Protein backbone atom coordinates (compact mmCIF):
# COMPACT_ATOMS: atom_id res chain seq x y z
CA ARG A 1 47.08 -71.28 -203.06
CA TYR A 2 45.46 -71.36 -206.48
CA PRO A 3 47.50 -69.35 -209.03
CA GLY A 4 44.54 -69.11 -211.40
CA ASN A 5 42.70 -66.85 -208.96
CA LYS A 6 43.29 -63.11 -208.77
CA VAL A 7 43.67 -63.38 -205.00
CA GLY A 8 46.50 -65.63 -203.81
CA TRP A 9 44.67 -66.69 -200.63
CA ALA A 10 41.56 -67.86 -202.44
CA ASP A 11 40.46 -71.48 -202.60
CA GLU A 12 39.39 -73.27 -205.77
CA ARG A 13 35.95 -71.62 -205.58
CA GLY A 14 37.39 -68.10 -205.22
CA LYS A 15 36.59 -67.91 -201.50
CA VAL A 16 39.08 -66.11 -199.27
CA SER A 17 39.86 -66.65 -195.58
CA VAL A 18 42.94 -64.89 -194.24
CA TRP A 19 44.23 -63.74 -190.85
CA ILE A 20 46.12 -60.45 -190.61
CA GLU A 21 48.34 -60.13 -187.55
CA ASP A 22 51.71 -58.87 -186.34
CA GLU A 23 53.32 -59.41 -182.93
CA SER A 24 54.18 -55.70 -182.73
CA TRP A 25 50.42 -54.95 -182.55
CA ASN A 26 49.86 -57.07 -179.42
CA VAL A 27 48.34 -55.42 -176.37
CA LYS A 28 50.58 -55.78 -173.32
CA VAL A 29 49.04 -56.23 -169.86
CA GLY A 30 51.69 -56.87 -167.22
CA ASN A 31 53.81 -59.74 -168.55
CA ILE A 32 51.03 -60.98 -170.81
CA GLU A 33 50.55 -60.14 -174.49
CA ILE A 34 47.06 -60.24 -175.98
CA PRO A 35 47.03 -60.91 -179.75
CA VAL A 36 45.51 -58.31 -182.07
CA ARG A 37 44.27 -60.27 -185.09
CA PHE A 38 41.93 -59.36 -187.93
CA HIS A 39 40.16 -62.00 -190.01
CA PHE A 40 38.73 -61.61 -193.48
CA ASN A 41 36.39 -64.31 -194.81
CA SER A 42 34.51 -63.81 -198.06
CA ASN A 43 31.98 -66.48 -197.03
CA HIS A 44 30.56 -63.89 -194.61
CA LEU A 45 29.94 -61.23 -197.26
CA THR A 46 26.28 -62.17 -197.55
CA SER A 47 25.71 -62.30 -193.77
CA LEU A 48 22.56 -60.52 -192.64
CA GLN A 49 24.37 -59.19 -189.56
CA SER A 50 27.31 -56.93 -190.34
CA PRO A 51 30.19 -57.23 -187.86
CA LEU A 52 32.00 -54.20 -186.45
CA LEU A 53 34.48 -53.84 -189.30
CA GLY A 54 32.05 -54.40 -192.14
CA LEU A 55 30.96 -57.48 -194.05
CA GLY A 56 33.63 -60.15 -194.30
CA TRP A 57 35.79 -58.71 -191.49
CA ARG A 58 36.09 -59.91 -187.91
CA PHE A 59 38.05 -58.55 -184.94
CA PRO A 60 38.02 -61.32 -182.26
CA LEU A 61 39.42 -59.13 -179.49
CA LEU A 62 36.31 -56.94 -179.69
CA GLU A 63 33.82 -59.47 -181.01
CA SER A 64 34.34 -62.32 -178.55
CA ASN A 65 31.04 -63.75 -177.48
CA ILE A 66 29.28 -66.81 -176.16
CA GLN A 67 26.17 -68.37 -177.68
CA LEU A 68 23.76 -70.97 -176.44
CA VAL A 69 23.71 -73.49 -179.31
CA ASP A 70 21.11 -75.67 -177.61
CA GLU A 71 20.17 -76.51 -174.02
CA ASN A 72 23.24 -78.75 -173.71
CA THR A 73 25.88 -76.79 -175.67
CA VAL A 74 27.45 -73.34 -175.57
CA LEU A 75 29.93 -71.90 -178.07
CA LEU A 76 32.60 -69.45 -176.93
CA SER A 77 34.48 -67.41 -179.54
CA ASP A 78 37.56 -66.38 -177.58
CA ILE A 79 39.76 -63.27 -178.01
CA SER A 80 42.09 -65.04 -180.45
CA GLY A 81 39.20 -66.08 -182.70
CA THR A 82 39.23 -69.72 -181.60
CA PRO A 83 35.80 -71.39 -181.30
CA VAL A 84 35.38 -73.49 -178.14
CA TYR A 85 32.37 -75.80 -177.73
CA LEU A 86 31.31 -76.62 -174.17
CA SER A 87 28.84 -79.40 -173.41
CA ARG A 88 26.64 -79.75 -170.34
CA SER A 89 28.05 -81.95 -167.60
CA GLY A 90 25.76 -81.85 -164.58
CA ASN A 91 25.22 -78.18 -163.71
CA LYS A 92 28.39 -77.08 -165.57
CA PHE A 93 29.66 -76.97 -169.16
CA VAL A 94 33.02 -78.47 -170.19
CA SER A 95 35.03 -78.77 -173.40
CA GLY A 96 35.74 -82.19 -174.92
CA ASP A 97 39.26 -82.26 -173.46
CA ARG A 98 37.93 -80.81 -170.16
CA SER A 99 40.48 -77.96 -170.26
CA TRP A 100 37.64 -75.38 -170.46
CA GLY A 101 34.84 -75.18 -167.91
CA GLY A 102 31.83 -72.91 -167.70
CA GLN A 103 28.76 -72.12 -165.63
CA LEU A 104 25.54 -70.26 -166.40
CA ASN A 105 24.06 -67.81 -163.93
CA GLY A 106 21.09 -65.93 -165.38
CA ASP A 107 22.35 -63.61 -168.14
CA LYS A 108 25.97 -64.26 -167.15
CA VAL A 109 28.31 -67.04 -168.22
CA PHE A 110 31.60 -67.72 -166.47
CA VAL A 111 34.25 -69.72 -168.32
CA GLU A 112 37.67 -70.77 -167.01
CA HIS A 113 40.71 -72.00 -168.91
CA ASP A 114 44.38 -72.32 -167.99
CA GLY A 115 44.17 -69.95 -165.02
CA CYS A 116 42.15 -67.30 -166.90
CA SER A 117 38.45 -66.62 -166.48
CA PHE A 118 36.01 -65.06 -168.95
CA THR A 119 32.86 -63.28 -167.78
CA CYS A 120 30.18 -62.80 -170.45
CA GLU A 121 26.89 -60.98 -170.00
CA LYS A 122 24.06 -61.25 -172.51
CA GLY A 123 26.45 -63.05 -174.86
CA ARG A 124 29.20 -60.40 -174.87
CA LEU A 125 32.58 -60.58 -173.19
CA GLU A 126 32.67 -58.18 -170.22
CA LYS A 127 35.80 -59.18 -168.30
CA LEU A 128 38.90 -61.34 -168.73
CA SER A 129 40.76 -62.13 -165.51
CA LEU A 130 44.39 -63.09 -166.05
CA GLN A 131 47.06 -64.73 -163.94
CA ASN A 132 49.61 -62.26 -162.53
CA ALA A 133 48.12 -59.32 -164.42
CA PRO A 134 45.22 -56.91 -163.91
CA PRO A 135 41.94 -57.90 -165.59
CA LEU A 136 40.77 -56.58 -168.95
CA ILE A 137 37.40 -54.83 -168.92
CA TRP A 138 35.16 -54.41 -172.00
CA ARG A 139 32.77 -51.43 -172.18
CA TYR A 140 30.05 -51.16 -174.83
CA GLY A 141 28.37 -47.82 -175.42
CA GLU A 142 25.79 -46.79 -177.97
CA ARG A 143 28.54 -45.43 -180.24
CA PHE A 144 31.77 -46.93 -178.89
CA VAL A 145 33.54 -50.08 -177.71
CA GLU A 146 36.67 -50.03 -175.56
CA VAL A 147 38.93 -52.36 -173.61
CA SER A 148 40.77 -51.13 -170.53
CA SER A 149 42.99 -52.40 -167.74
CA ASN A 150 43.63 -50.60 -164.45
CA GLY A 151 41.77 -47.60 -165.83
CA ARG A 152 44.03 -47.35 -168.90
CA ILE A 153 42.28 -47.67 -172.27
CA LEU A 154 44.14 -50.24 -174.37
CA LEU A 155 41.85 -50.34 -177.37
CA SER A 156 38.96 -48.19 -178.56
CA LEU A 157 36.78 -47.59 -181.54
CA THR A 158 33.75 -45.50 -182.35
CA LEU A 159 30.68 -46.77 -184.18
CA ASN A 160 28.78 -45.10 -186.98
CA GLN A 161 24.98 -44.99 -187.21
CA ASP A 162 24.87 -48.46 -188.77
CA GLY A 163 26.67 -49.96 -185.77
CA ASN A 164 29.86 -50.59 -187.75
CA ALA A 165 33.24 -49.24 -186.73
CA SER A 166 34.36 -45.91 -188.10
CA ASP A 167 37.49 -46.12 -190.25
CA LEU A 168 39.85 -45.65 -187.28
CA ILE A 169 40.64 -48.12 -184.50
CA LEU A 170 43.17 -47.25 -181.79
CA VAL A 171 45.11 -50.18 -180.34
CA GLY A 172 47.83 -49.03 -177.94
CA GLY A 173 50.13 -46.90 -180.09
CA ASN A 174 48.82 -48.30 -183.37
CA ASP A 175 46.10 -46.82 -185.56
CA PHE A 176 44.26 -49.19 -187.90
CA ARG A 177 42.17 -47.89 -190.77
CA PHE A 178 39.70 -49.98 -192.74
CA ASP A 179 38.33 -49.05 -196.12
CA TYR A 180 35.61 -51.62 -196.59
CA GLU A 181 33.42 -49.65 -198.94
CA ASP A 182 35.81 -49.95 -201.90
CA SER A 183 37.72 -53.06 -200.88
CA PRO A 184 37.37 -55.96 -201.26
CA VAL A 185 35.93 -55.94 -204.77
CA PHE A 186 33.63 -58.88 -205.28
CA ILE A 187 31.32 -60.13 -207.99
CA PHE A 188 28.37 -62.52 -208.05
CA GLU A 189 29.01 -65.63 -210.10
CA ASP A 190 26.47 -68.43 -210.35
CA GLY A 191 24.70 -67.07 -207.28
CA ALA A 192 27.88 -67.05 -205.16
CA VAL A 193 30.07 -64.20 -203.98
CA VAL A 194 33.55 -64.40 -205.51
CA ILE A 195 36.44 -62.09 -204.60
CA SER A 196 37.94 -60.44 -207.67
CA ASP A 197 40.34 -58.08 -205.88
CA LEU A 198 41.48 -57.56 -202.29
CA VAL A 199 43.69 -54.87 -200.81
CA ILE A 200 44.80 -55.26 -197.20
């Protein structure tokens, strides 16, 4: 966007936010395709909590979650990376356009949208029930995360001792490798993190 920057996706302050996706990576469940998208955002490089893929990276399909913003609002980050705010309406939560609806039950949250239902437990996505297709099940172990359907593992990764993903993620027939120790290259300028080089 700004030719003066070394990274073409950067804004005028040198911040980068870019989605990496390809339809050929999608996970197929019955007649439904689930998008496999990776997001890099340099604004998250100073985050205290490192996501699975390392600072700056996000993998919505594995990092979907729901958070209680306050007693009247919950925030769902869905599997495509879209944030959905739900506000309390009686004993339920609904989105502004009322196309999303949710209910709290102890540690579990149930959210419905367009014939699909999300089940989250302790903030993490556990199950996605789909129309005309078997449900997707998320499993979280001490050193792994995987998504399966009908007993078939669709996506898996292992975690290192820091809780980050190892450099290999298996998605269907695709292998994704992330080298986030050497890339991106960033510098501190006037107290802010600025990308100076990025290889994807």
